[in-house]
Amino acid sequence: MRLIFAVVGCCMSLGSGPVAAQDMTGAEDLYRDTCRNCHGPKAKGMASFPKLAGLEEDFLAMRLTQYRAGEKVGPNSALMQPNAIDLSDEEIADLARYISTSFD
């Protein structure tokens, strides 16, 4: 019986890796298609669009959630709200994680 639990536990842990990689791939695609034109290919910011590189995951997720809710949280709120309005909670979490871990 212990062997069965050990095997099931190992199989379950092996299955979690690709999902995380897939989430990051989706977030990378989302950044490329939605964010990169204004925030730049390395999230360093461009013109009046702020730098995202170096920001904490929690802060990014909070901001995206605020934009999705239609809150005005800065001078670019009107530009960000249409980009965030259709994001799911999962997409926001994945995108925030991707930005906070992929750029210096």
PDB file of N, CA and C in Angstrom:
ATOM      1  N   MET A   1       0.821  -1.190   0.000  1.00  0.00           N
ATOM      2  CA  MET A   1       0.000   0.000   0.000  1.00  0.00           C
ATOM      3  C   MET A   1       0.871   1.262   0.000  1.00  0.00           C
ATOM      4  N   ARG A   2       1.934   1.265   0.787  1.00  0.00           N
ATOM      5  CA  ARG A   2       2.840   2.412   0.809  1.00  0.00           C
ATOM      6  C   ARG A   2       3.472   2.627  -0.561  1.00  0.00           C
ATOM      7  N   LEU A   3       3.776   1.517  -1.230  1.00  0.00           N
ATOM      8  CA  LEU A   3       4.372   1.611  -2.557  1.00  0.00           C
ATOM      9  C   LEU A   3       3.418   2.303  -3.532  1.00  0.00           C
ATOM     10  N   ILE A   4       2.144   1.987  -3.439  1.00  0.00           N
ATOM     11  CA  ILE A   4       1.154   2.612  -4.321  1.00  0.00           C
ATOM     12  C   ILE A   4       1.124   4.121  -4.091  1.00  0.00           C
ATOM     13  N   PHE A   5       1.106   4.543  -2.818  1.00  0.00           N
ATOM     14  CA  PHE A   5       1.094   5.972  -2.521  1.00  0.00           C
ATOM     15  C   PHE A   5       2.369   6.647  -3.020  1.00  0.00           C
ATOM     16  N   ALA A   6       3.494   5.967  -2.885  1.00  0.00           N
ATOM     17  CA  ALA A   6       4.759   6.530  -3.348  1.00  0.00           C
ATOM     18  C   ALA A   6       4.756   6.700  -4.863  1.00  0.00           C
ATOM     19  N   VAL A   7       4.266   5.699  -5.578  1.00  0.00           N
ATOM     20  CA  VAL A   7       4.222   5.771  -7.040  1.00  0.00           C
ATOM     21  C   VAL A   7       3.257   6.863  -7.493  1.00  0.00           C
ATOM     22  N   VAL A   8       2.082   6.911  -6.890  1.00  0.00           N
ATOM     23  CA  VAL A   8       1.101   7.940  -7.247  1.00  0.00           C
ATOM     24  C   VAL A   8       1.669   9.327  -6.952  1.00  0.00           C
ATOM     25  N   GLY A   9       2.317   9.484  -5.817  1.00  0.00           N
ATOM     26  CA  GLY A   9       2.918  10.770  -5.460  1.00  0.00           C
ATOM     27  C   GLY A   9       3.979  11.200  -6.455  1.00  0.00           C
ATOM     28  N   CYS A  10       4.819  10.260  -6.879  1.00  0.00           N
ATOM     29  CA  CYS A  10       5.851  10.577  -7.871  1.00  0.00           C
ATOM     30  C   CYS A  10       5.227  10.977  -9.202  1.00  0.00           C
ATOM     31  N   CYS A  11       4.221  10.236  -9.627  1.00  0.00           N
ATOM     32  CA  CYS A  11       3.562  10.546 -10.899  1.00  0.00           C
ATOM     33  C   CYS A  11       2.906  11.920 -10.857  1.00  0.00           C
ATOM     34  N   MET A  12       2.286  12.247  -9.745  1.00  0.00           N
ATOM     35  CA  MET A  12       1.631  13.546  -9.628  1.00  0.00           C
ATOM     36  C   MET A  12       2.653  14.675  -9.659  1.00  0.00           C
ATOM     37  N   SER A  13       3.797  14.474  -9.024  1.00  0.00           N
ATOM     38  CA  SER A  13       4.802  15.528  -9.013  1.00  0.00           C
ATOM     39  C   SER A  13       5.437  15.699 -10.383  1.00  0.00           C
ATOM     40  N   LEU A  14       5.549  14.635 -11.147  1.00  0.00           N
ATOM     41  CA  LEU A  14       6.093  14.745 -12.495  1.00  0.00           C
ATOM     42  C   LEU A  14       5.149  15.523 -13.399  1.00  0.00           C
ATOM     43  N   GLY A  15       3.877  15.401 -13.168  1.00  0.00           N
ATOM     44  CA  GLY A  15       2.895  16.085 -13.997  1.00  0.00           C
ATOM     45  C   GLY A  15       2.825  17.575 -13.765  1.00  0.00           C
ATOM     46  N   SER A  16       3.344  18.072 -12.662  1.00  0.00           N
ATOM     47  CA  SER A  16       3.199  19.494 -12.370  1.00  0.00           C
ATOM     48  C   SER A  16       4.198  20.367 -13.113  1.00  0.00           C
ATOM     49  N   GLY A  17       5.322  19.830 -13.536  1.00  0.00           N
ATOM     50  CA  GLY A  17       6.338  20.614 -14.229  1.00  0.00           C
ATOM     51  C   GLY A  17       5.873  21.195 -15.549  1.00  0.00           C
ATOM     52  N   PRO A  18       5.373  20.389 -16.468  1.00  0.00           N
ATOM     53  CA  PRO A  18       4.957  20.916 -17.757  1.00  0.00           C
ATOM     54  C   PRO A  18       3.835  21.947 -17.675  1.00  0.00           C
ATOM     55  N   VAL A  19       2.961  21.818 -16.695  1.00  0.00           N
ATOM     56  CA  VAL A  19       1.888  22.803 -16.552  1.00  0.00           C
ATOM     57  C   VAL A  19       2.487  24.165 -16.241  1.00  0.00           C
ATOM     58  N   ALA A  20       3.458  24.208 -15.340  1.00  0.00           N
ATOM     59  CA  ALA A  20       4.098  25.473 -15.006  1.00  0.00           C
ATOM     60  C   ALA A  20       4.796  26.055 -16.230  1.00  0.00           C
ATOM     61  N   ALA A  21       5.478  25.212 -16.992  1.00  0.00           N
ATOM     62  CA  ALA A  21       6.150  25.682 -18.200  1.00  0.00           C
ATOM     63  C   ALA A  21       5.129  26.187 -19.214  1.00  0.00           C
ATOM     64  N   GLN A  22       4.021  25.489 -19.338  1.00  0.00           N
ATOM     65  CA  GLN A  22       2.970  25.901 -20.264  1.00  0.00           C
ATOM     66  C   GLN A  22       2.393  27.255 -19.837  1.00  0.00           C
ATOM     67  N   ASP A  23       2.184  27.447 -18.532  1.00  0.00           N
ATOM     68  CA  ASP A  23       1.676  28.718 -18.031  1.00  0.00           C
ATOM     69  C   ASP A  23       2.625  29.854 -18.393  1.00  0.00           C
ATOM     70  N   MET A  24       3.928  29.620 -18.237  1.00  0.00           N
ATOM     71  CA  MET A  24       4.912  30.644 -18.554  1.00  0.00           C
ATOM     72  C   MET A  24       4.936  30.919 -20.056  1.00  0.00           C
ATOM     73  N   THR A  25       4.747  29.883 -20.869  1.00  0.00           N
ATOM     74  CA  THR A  25       4.702  30.081 -22.312  1.00  0.00           C
ATOM     75  C   THR A  25       3.501  30.940 -22.683  1.00  0.00           C
ATOM     76  N   GLY A  26       2.360  30.656 -22.077  1.00  0.00           N
ATOM     77  CA  GLY A  26       1.170  31.471 -22.324  1.00  0.00           C
ATOM     78  C   GLY A  26       1.376  32.908 -21.887  1.00  0.00           C
ATOM     79  N   ALA A  27       2.026  33.094 -20.748  1.00  0.00           N
ATOM     80  CA  ALA A  27       2.298  34.437 -20.244  1.00  0.00           C
ATOM     81  C   ALA A  27       3.299  35.155 -21.147  1.00  0.00           C
ATOM     82  N   GLU A  28       4.279  34.416 -21.637  1.00  0.00           N
ATOM     83  CA  GLU A  28       5.254  35.006 -22.561  1.00  0.00           C
ATOM     84  C   GLU A  28       4.550  35.475 -23.842  1.00  0.00           C
ATOM     85  N   ASP A  29       3.662  34.647 -24.361  1.00  0.00           N
ATOM     86  CA  ASP A  29       2.890  35.022 -25.550  1.00  0.00           C
ATOM     87  C   ASP A  29       2.019  36.248 -25.269  1.00  0.00           C
ATOM     88  N   LEU A  30       1.396  36.267 -24.105  1.00  0.00           N
ATOM     89  CA  LEU A  30       0.543  37.393 -23.725  1.00  0.00           C
ATOM     90  C   LEU A  30       1.361  38.681 -23.625  1.00  0.00           C
ATOM     91  N   TYR A  31       2.540  38.593 -23.011  1.00  0.00           N
ATOM     92  CA  TYR A  31       3.406  39.772 -22.919  1.00  0.00           C
ATOM     93  C   TYR A  31       3.794  40.245 -24.317  1.00  0.00           C
ATOM     94  N   ARG A  32       4.224  39.312 -25.151  1.00  0.00           N
ATOM     95  CA  ARG A  32       4.660  39.657 -26.508  1.00  0.00           C
ATOM     96  C   ARG A  32       3.527  40.316 -27.304  1.00  0.00           C
ATOM     97  N   ASP A  33       2.331  39.761 -27.198  1.00  0.00           N
ATOM     98  CA  ASP A  33       1.212  40.233 -28.013  1.00  0.00           C
ATOM     99  C   ASP A  33       0.519  41.476 -27.455  1.00  0.00           C
ATOM    100  N   THR A  34       0.571  41.679 -26.147  1.00  0.00           N
ATOM    101  CA  THR A  34      -0.215  42.743 -25.527  1.00  0.00           C
ATOM    102  C   THR A  34       0.627  43.833 -24.861  1.00  0.00           C
ATOM    103  N   CYS A  35       1.737  43.473 -24.264  1.00  0.00           N
ATOM    104  CA  CYS A  35       2.486  44.415 -23.423  1.00  0.00           C
ATOM    105  C   CYS A  35       3.729  44.998 -24.099  1.00  0.00           C
ATOM    106  N   ARG A  36       4.365  44.196 -24.925  1.00  0.00           N
ATOM    107  CA  ARG A  36       5.680  44.551 -25.469  1.00  0.00           C
ATOM    108  C   ARG A  36       5.677  45.848 -26.274  1.00  0.00           C
ATOM    109  N   ASN A  37       4.627  46.118 -27.024  1.00  0.00           N
ATOM    110  CA  ASN A  37       4.621  47.315 -27.873  1.00  0.00           C
ATOM    111  C   ASN A  37       4.801  48.601 -27.077  1.00  0.00           C
ATOM    112  N   CYS A  38       4.308  48.637 -25.860  1.00  0.00           N
ATOM    113  CA  CYS A  38       4.428  49.845 -25.039  1.00  0.00           C
ATOM    114  C   CYS A  38       5.547  49.751 -24.001  1.00  0.00           C
ATOM    115  N   HIS A  39       5.699  48.588 -23.387  1.00  0.00           N
ATOM    116  CA  HIS A  39       6.666  48.446 -22.297  1.00  0.00           C
ATOM    117  C   HIS A  39       8.027  47.951 -22.768  1.00  0.00           C
ATOM    118  N   GLY A  40       8.129  47.585 -24.044  1.00  0.00           N
ATOM    119  CA  GLY A  40       9.402  47.187 -24.625  1.00  0.00           C
ATOM    120  C   GLY A  40       9.675  45.703 -24.524  1.00  0.00           C
ATOM    121  N   PRO A  41      10.569  45.207 -25.380  1.00  0.00           N
ATOM    122  CA  PRO A  41      10.861  43.773 -25.438  1.00  0.00           C
ATOM    123  C   PRO A  41      11.507  43.226 -24.164  1.00  0.00           C
ATOM    124  N   LYS A  42      12.129  44.088 -23.389  1.00  0.00           N
ATOM    125  CA  LYS A  42      12.766  43.654 -22.143  1.00  0.00           C
ATOM    126  C   LYS A  42      12.115  44.305 -20.928  1.00  0.00           C
ATOM    127  N   ALA A  43      10.905  44.840 -21.115  1.00  0.00           N
ATOM    128  CA  ALA A  43      10.117  45.465 -20.041  1.00  0.00           C
ATOM    129  C   ALA A  43      10.830  46.644 -19.392  1.00  0.00           C
ATOM    130  N   LYS A  44      11.669  47.333 -20.170  1.00  0.00           N
ATOM    131  CA  LYS A  44      12.412  48.483 -19.650  1.00  0.00           C
ATOM    132  C   LYS A  44      11.622  49.784 -19.759  1.00  0.00           C
ATOM    133  N   GLY A  45      10.451  49.726 -20.386  1.00  0.00           N
ATOM    134  CA  GLY A  45       9.633  50.913 -20.556  1.00  0.00           C
ATOM    135  C   GLY A  45      10.022  51.670 -21.814  1.00  0.00           C
ATOM    136  N   MET A  46       9.085  52.435 -22.329  1.00  0.00           N
ATOM    137  CA  MET A  46       9.321  53.240 -23.529  1.00  0.00           C
ATOM    138  C   MET A  46       8.495  54.512 -23.409  1.00  0.00           C
ATOM    139  N   ALA A  47       9.098  55.642 -23.725  1.00  0.00           N
ATOM    140  CA  ALA A  47       8.419  56.944 -23.679  1.00  0.00           C
ATOM    141  C   ALA A  47       7.698  57.104 -22.337  1.00  0.00           C
ATOM    142  N   SER A  48       6.381  57.282 -22.365  1.00  0.00           N
ATOM    143  CA  SER A  48       5.643  57.497 -21.111  1.00  0.00           C
ATOM    144  C   SER A  48       5.175  56.194 -20.468  1.00  0.00           C
ATOM    145  N   PHE A  49       5.572  55.066 -21.042  1.00  0.00           N
ATOM    146  CA  PHE A  49       5.154  53.774 -20.500  1.00  0.00           C
ATOM    147  C   PHE A  49       6.209  53.271 -19.522  1.00  0.00           C
ATOM    148  N   PRO A  50       5.802  52.923 -18.308  1.00  0.00           N
ATOM    149  CA  PRO A  50       6.772  52.620 -17.249  1.00  0.00           C
ATOM    150  C   PRO A  50       7.519  51.303 -17.437  1.00  0.00           C
ATOM    151  N   LYS A  51       8.658  51.279 -16.799  1.00  0.00           N
ATOM    152  CA  LYS A  51       9.472  50.070 -16.713  1.00  0.00           C
ATOM    153  C   LYS A  51       8.738  49.058 -15.833  1.00  0.00           C
ATOM    154  N   LEU A  52       8.664  47.813 -16.292  1.00  0.00           N
ATOM    155  CA  LEU A  52       8.059  46.740 -15.506  1.00  0.00           C
ATOM    156  C   LEU A  52       9.128  45.825 -14.920  1.00  0.00           C
ATOM    157  N   ALA A  53      10.282  45.771 -15.576  1.00  0.00           N
ATOM    158  CA  ALA A  53      11.377  44.927 -15.104  1.00  0.00           C
ATOM    159  C   ALA A  53      11.746  45.327 -13.684  1.00  0.00           C
ATOM    160  N   GLY A  54      11.900  44.330 -12.830  1.00  0.00           N
ATOM    161  CA  GLY A  54      12.297  44.575 -11.452  1.00  0.00           C
ATOM    162  C   GLY A  54      11.141  44.767 -10.483  1.00  0.00           C
ATOM    163  N   LEU A  55       9.917  44.851 -10.988  1.00  0.00           N
ATOM    164  CA  LEU A  55       8.770  45.003 -10.091  1.00  0.00           C
ATOM    165  C   LEU A  55       8.373  43.653  -9.501  1.00  0.00           C
ATOM    166  N   GLU A  56       7.837  43.680  -8.305  1.00  0.00           N
ATOM    167  CA  GLU A  56       7.426  42.467  -7.602  1.00  0.00           C
ATOM    168  C   GLU A  56       6.163  41.872  -8.223  1.00  0.00           C
ATOM    169  N   GLU A  57       6.089  40.557  -8.202  1.00  0.00           N
ATOM    170  CA  GLU A  57       4.945  39.827  -8.740  1.00  0.00           C
ATOM    171  C   GLU A  57       3.625  40.289  -8.123  1.00  0.00           C
ATOM    172  N   ASP A  58       3.587  40.443  -6.805  1.00  0.00           N
ATOM    173  CA  ASP A  58       2.351  40.852  -6.123  1.00  0.00           C
ATOM    174  C   ASP A  58       1.885  42.236  -6.573  1.00  0.00           C
ATOM    175  N   PHE A  59       2.830  43.143  -6.739  1.00  0.00           N
ATOM    176  CA  PHE A  59       2.487  44.496  -7.186  1.00  0.00           C
ATOM    177  C   PHE A  59       1.914  44.467  -8.599  1.00  0.00           C
ATOM    178  N   LEU A  60       2.564  43.719  -9.491  1.00  0.00           N
ATOM    179  CA  LEU A  60       2.090  43.621 -10.872  1.00  0.00           C
ATOM    180  C   LEU A  60       0.689  43.020 -10.933  1.00  0.00           C
ATOM    181  N   ALA A  61       0.463  41.966 -10.164  1.00  0.00           N
ATOM    182  CA  ALA A  61      -0.856  41.322 -10.141  1.00  0.00           C
ATOM    183  C   ALA A  61      -1.916  42.279  -9.599  1.00  0.00           C
ATOM    184  N   MET A  62      -1.568  43.028  -8.557  1.00  0.00           N
ATOM    185  CA  MET A  62      -2.509  43.986  -7.981  1.00  0.00           C
ATOM    186  C   MET A  62      -2.879  45.058  -9.003  1.00  0.00           C
ATOM    187  N   ARG A  63      -1.869  45.605  -9.683  1.00  0.00           N
ATOM    188  CA  ARG A  63      -2.123  46.647 -10.682  1.00  0.00           C
ATOM    189  C   ARG A  63      -3.002  46.127 -11.818  1.00  0.00           C
ATOM    190  N   LEU A  64      -2.681  44.934 -12.329  1.00  0.00           N
ATOM    191  CA  LEU A  64      -3.482  44.373 -13.420  1.00  0.00           C
ATOM    192  C   LEU A  64      -4.926  44.145 -12.977  1.00  0.00           C
ATOM    193  N   THR A  65      -5.096  43.714 -11.741  1.00  0.00           N
ATOM    194  CA  THR A  65      -6.444  43.508 -11.198  1.00  0.00           C
ATOM    195  C   THR A  65      -7.182  44.840 -11.086  1.00  0.00           C
ATOM    196  N   GLN A  66      -6.481  45.877 -10.665  1.00  0.00           N
ATOM    197  CA  GLN A  66      -7.093  47.206 -10.569  1.00  0.00           C
ATOM    198  C   GLN A  66      -7.490  47.727 -11.953  1.00  0.00           C
ATOM    199  N   TYR A  67      -6.610  47.552 -12.916  1.00  0.00           N
ATOM    200  CA  TYR A  67      -6.938  47.980 -14.283  1.00  0.00           C
ATOM    201  C   TYR A  67      -8.141  47.211 -14.809  1.00  0.00           C
ATOM    202  N   ARG A  68      -8.174  45.911 -14.567  1.00  0.00           N
ATOM    203  CA  ARG A  68      -9.292  45.084 -15.028  1.00  0.00           C
ATOM    204  C   ARG A  68     -10.611  45.568 -14.419  1.00  0.00           C
ATOM    205  N   ALA A  69     -10.559  46.019 -13.167  1.00  0.00           N
ATOM    206  CA  ALA A  69     -11.758  46.507 -12.471  1.00  0.00           C
ATOM    207  C   ALA A  69     -12.154  47.922 -12.900  1.00  0.00           C
ATOM    208  N   GLY A  70     -11.331  48.550 -13.739  1.00  0.00           N
ATOM    209  CA  GLY A  70     -11.645  49.894 -14.211  1.00  0.00           C
ATOM    210  C   GLY A  70     -11.177  51.005 -13.296  1.00  0.00           C
ATOM    211  N   GLU A  71     -10.326  50.681 -12.328  1.00  0.00           N
ATOM    212  CA  GLU A  71      -9.833  51.695 -11.392  1.00  0.00           C
ATOM    213  C   GLU A  71      -8.779  52.574 -12.061  1.00  0.00           C
ATOM    214  N   LYS A  72      -8.778  53.843 -11.718  1.00  0.00           N
ATOM    215  CA  LYS A  72      -7.749  54.764 -12.188  1.00  0.00           C
ATOM    216  C   LYS A  72      -6.621  54.742 -11.163  1.00  0.00           C
ATOM    217  N   VAL A  73      -5.472  54.254 -11.578  1.00  0.00           N
ATOM    218  CA  VAL A  73      -4.348  54.130 -10.646  1.00  0.00           C
ATOM    219  C   VAL A  73      -3.088  54.817 -11.165  1.00  0.00           C
ATOM    220  N   GLY A  74      -3.223  55.586 -12.198  1.00  0.00           N
ATOM    221  CA  GLY A  74      -2.074  56.293 -12.745  1.00  0.00           C
ATOM    222  C   GLY A  74      -2.433  56.953 -14.061  1.00  0.00           C
ATOM    223  N   PRO A  75      -1.482  57.678 -14.640  1.00  0.00           N
ATOM    224  CA  PRO A  75      -1.770  58.437 -15.855  1.00  0.00           C
ATOM    225  C   PRO A  75      -2.096  57.577 -17.078  1.00  0.00           C
ATOM    226  N   ASN A  76      -1.684  56.322 -17.085  1.00  0.00           N
ATOM    227  CA  ASN A  76      -1.938  55.452 -18.235  1.00  0.00           C
ATOM    228  C   ASN A  76      -3.101  54.490 -18.012  1.00  0.00           C
ATOM    229  N   SER A  77      -3.913  54.747 -16.997  1.00  0.00           N
ATOM    230  CA  SER A  77      -5.023  53.834 -16.686  1.00  0.00           C
ATOM    231  C   SER A  77      -5.952  53.624 -17.873  1.00  0.00           C
ATOM    232  N   ALA A  78      -6.278  54.693 -18.580  1.00  0.00           N
ATOM    233  CA  ALA A  78      -7.197  54.579 -19.718  1.00  0.00           C
ATOM    234  C   ALA A  78      -6.621  53.699 -20.823  1.00  0.00           C
ATOM    235  N   LEU A  79      -5.306  53.636 -20.919  1.00  0.00           N
ATOM    236  CA  LEU A  79      -4.664  52.772 -21.916  1.00  0.00           C
ATOM    237  C   LEU A  79      -4.578  51.331 -21.435  1.00  0.00           C
ATOM    238  N   MET A  80      -4.407  51.156 -20.142  1.00  0.00           N
ATOM    239  CA  MET A  80      -4.231  49.806 -19.590  1.00  0.00           C
ATOM    240  C   MET A  80      -5.550  49.055 -19.414  1.00  0.00           C
ATOM    241  N   GLN A  81      -6.598  49.753 -19.068  1.00  0.00           N
ATOM    242  CA  GLN A  81      -7.874  49.086 -18.775  1.00  0.00           C
ATOM    243  C   GLN A  81      -8.375  48.199 -19.911  1.00  0.00           C
ATOM    244  N   PRO A  82      -8.366  48.650 -21.166  1.00  0.00           N
ATOM    245  CA  PRO A  82      -8.832  47.762 -22.240  1.00  0.00           C
ATOM    246  C   PRO A  82      -7.950  46.521 -22.418  1.00  0.00           C
ATOM    247  N   ASN A  83      -6.675  46.639 -22.076  1.00  0.00           N
ATOM    248  CA  ASN A  83      -5.770  45.493 -22.194  1.00  0.00           C
ATOM    249  C   ASN A  83      -5.979  44.480 -21.079  1.00  0.00           C
ATOM    250  N   ALA A  84      -6.462  44.933 -19.935  1.00  0.00           N
ATOM    251  CA  ALA A  84      -6.607  44.051 -18.773  1.00  0.00           C
ATOM    252  C   ALA A  84      -8.022  43.521 -18.582  1.00  0.00           C
ATOM    253  N   ILE A  85      -8.991  44.141 -19.215  1.00  0.00           N
ATOM    254  CA  ILE A  85     -10.390  43.842 -18.906  1.00  0.00           C
ATOM    255  C   ILE A  85     -10.776  42.378 -19.124  1.00  0.00           C
ATOM    256  N   ASP A  86     -10.195  41.723 -20.099  1.00  0.00           N
ATOM    257  CA  ASP A  86     -10.566  40.338 -20.390  1.00  0.00           C
ATOM    258  C   ASP A  86      -9.628  39.303 -19.769  1.00  0.00           C
ATOM    259  N   LEU A  87      -8.643  39.747 -18.992  1.00  0.00           N
ATOM    260  CA  LEU A  87      -7.712  38.799 -18.369  1.00  0.00           C
ATOM    261  C   LEU A  87      -8.390  38.048 -17.226  1.00  0.00           C
ATOM    262  N   SER A  88      -8.160  36.751 -17.174  1.00  0.00           N
ATOM    263  CA  SER A  88      -8.659  35.949 -16.053  1.00  0.00           C
ATOM    264  C   SER A  88      -7.717  36.117 -14.865  1.00  0.00           C
ATOM    265  N   ASP A  89      -8.152  35.678 -13.698  1.00  0.00           N
ATOM    266  CA  ASP A  89      -7.278  35.702 -12.518  1.00  0.00           C
ATOM    267  C   ASP A  89      -6.007  34.909 -12.789  1.00  0.00           C
ATOM    268  N   GLU A  90      -6.155  33.775 -13.453  1.00  0.00           N
ATOM    269  CA  GLU A  90      -5.001  32.922 -13.755  1.00  0.00           C
ATOM    270  C   GLU A  90      -4.039  33.616 -14.720  1.00  0.00           C
ATOM    271  N   GLU A  91      -4.564  34.273 -15.730  1.00  0.00           N
ATOM    272  CA  GLU A  91      -3.703  34.989 -16.675  1.00  0.00           C
ATOM    273  C   GLU A  91      -2.971  36.131 -15.987  1.00  0.00           C
ATOM    274  N   ILE A  92      -3.648  36.830 -15.102  1.00  0.00           N
ATOM    275  CA  ILE A  92      -2.999  37.910 -14.354  1.00  0.00           C
ATOM    276  C   ILE A  92      -1.864  37.350 -13.508  1.00  0.00           C
ATOM    277  N   ALA A  93      -2.123  36.266 -12.793  1.00  0.00           N
ATOM    278  CA  ALA A  93      -1.088  35.655 -11.949  1.00  0.00           C
ATOM    279  C   ALA A  93       0.092  35.185 -12.793  1.00  0.00           C
ATOM    280  N   ASP A  94      -0.191  34.529 -13.910  1.00  0.00           N
ATOM    281  CA  ASP A  94       0.876  34.020 -14.775  1.00  0.00           C
ATOM    282  C   ASP A  94       1.682  35.158 -15.389  1.00  0.00           C
ATOM    283  N   LEU A  95       1.007  36.195 -15.846  1.00  0.00           N
ATOM    284  CA  LEU A  95       1.688  37.333 -16.457  1.00  0.00           C
ATOM    285  C   LEU A  95       2.546  38.068 -15.432  1.00  0.00           C
ATOM    286  N   ALA A  96       2.019  38.269 -14.238  1.00  0.00           N
ATOM    287  CA  ALA A  96       2.793  38.925 -13.176  1.00  0.00           C
ATOM    288  C   ALA A  96       4.028  38.107 -12.822  1.00  0.00           C
ATOM    289  N   ARG A  97       3.875  36.795 -12.743  1.00  0.00           N
ATOM    290  CA  ARG A  97       5.009  35.916 -12.447  1.00  0.00           C
ATOM    291  C   ARG A  97       6.036  35.986 -13.576  1.00  0.00           C
ATOM    292  N   TYR A  98       5.563  35.933 -14.807  1.00  0.00           N
ATOM    293  CA  TYR A  98       6.469  35.981 -15.962  1.00  0.00           C
ATOM    294  C   TYR A  98       7.275  37.278 -15.967  1.00  0.00           C
ATOM    295  N   ILE A  99       6.609  38.403 -15.819  1.00  0.00           N
ATOM    296  CA  ILE A  99       7.307  39.690 -15.861  1.00  0.00           C
ATOM    297  C   ILE A  99       8.297  39.807 -14.711  1.00  0.00           C
ATOM    298  N   SER A 100       7.890  39.400 -13.524  1.00  0.00           N
ATOM    299  CA  SER A 100       8.760  39.571 -12.348  1.00  0.00           C
ATOM    300  C   SER A 100       9.964  38.638 -12.364  1.00  0.00           C
ATOM    301  N   THR A 101       9.907  37.554 -13.119  1.00  0.00           N
ATOM    302  CA  THR A 101      11.021  36.598 -13.118  1.00  0.00           C
ATOM    303  C   THR A 101      11.812  36.568 -14.420  1.00  0.00           C
ATOM    304  N   SER A 102      11.330  37.225 -15.458  1.00  0.00           N
ATOM    305  CA  SER A 102      11.976  37.107 -16.769  1.00  0.00           C
ATOM    306  C   SER A 102      12.825  38.300 -17.167  1.00  0.00           C
ATOM    307  N   PHE A 103      12.673  39.403 -16.480  1.00  0.00           N
ATOM    308  CA  PHE A 103      13.387  40.617 -16.864  1.00  0.00           C
ATOM    309  C   PHE A 103      14.161  41.164 -15.671  1.00  0.00           C
ATOM    310  N   ASP A 104      15.337  41.728 -15.956  1.00  0.00           N
ATOM    311  CA  ASP A 104      16.173  42.322 -14.896  1.00  0.00           C
ATOM    312  C   ASP A 104      15.787  43.758 -14.651  1.00  0.00           C
TER     313      ASP A 104
END
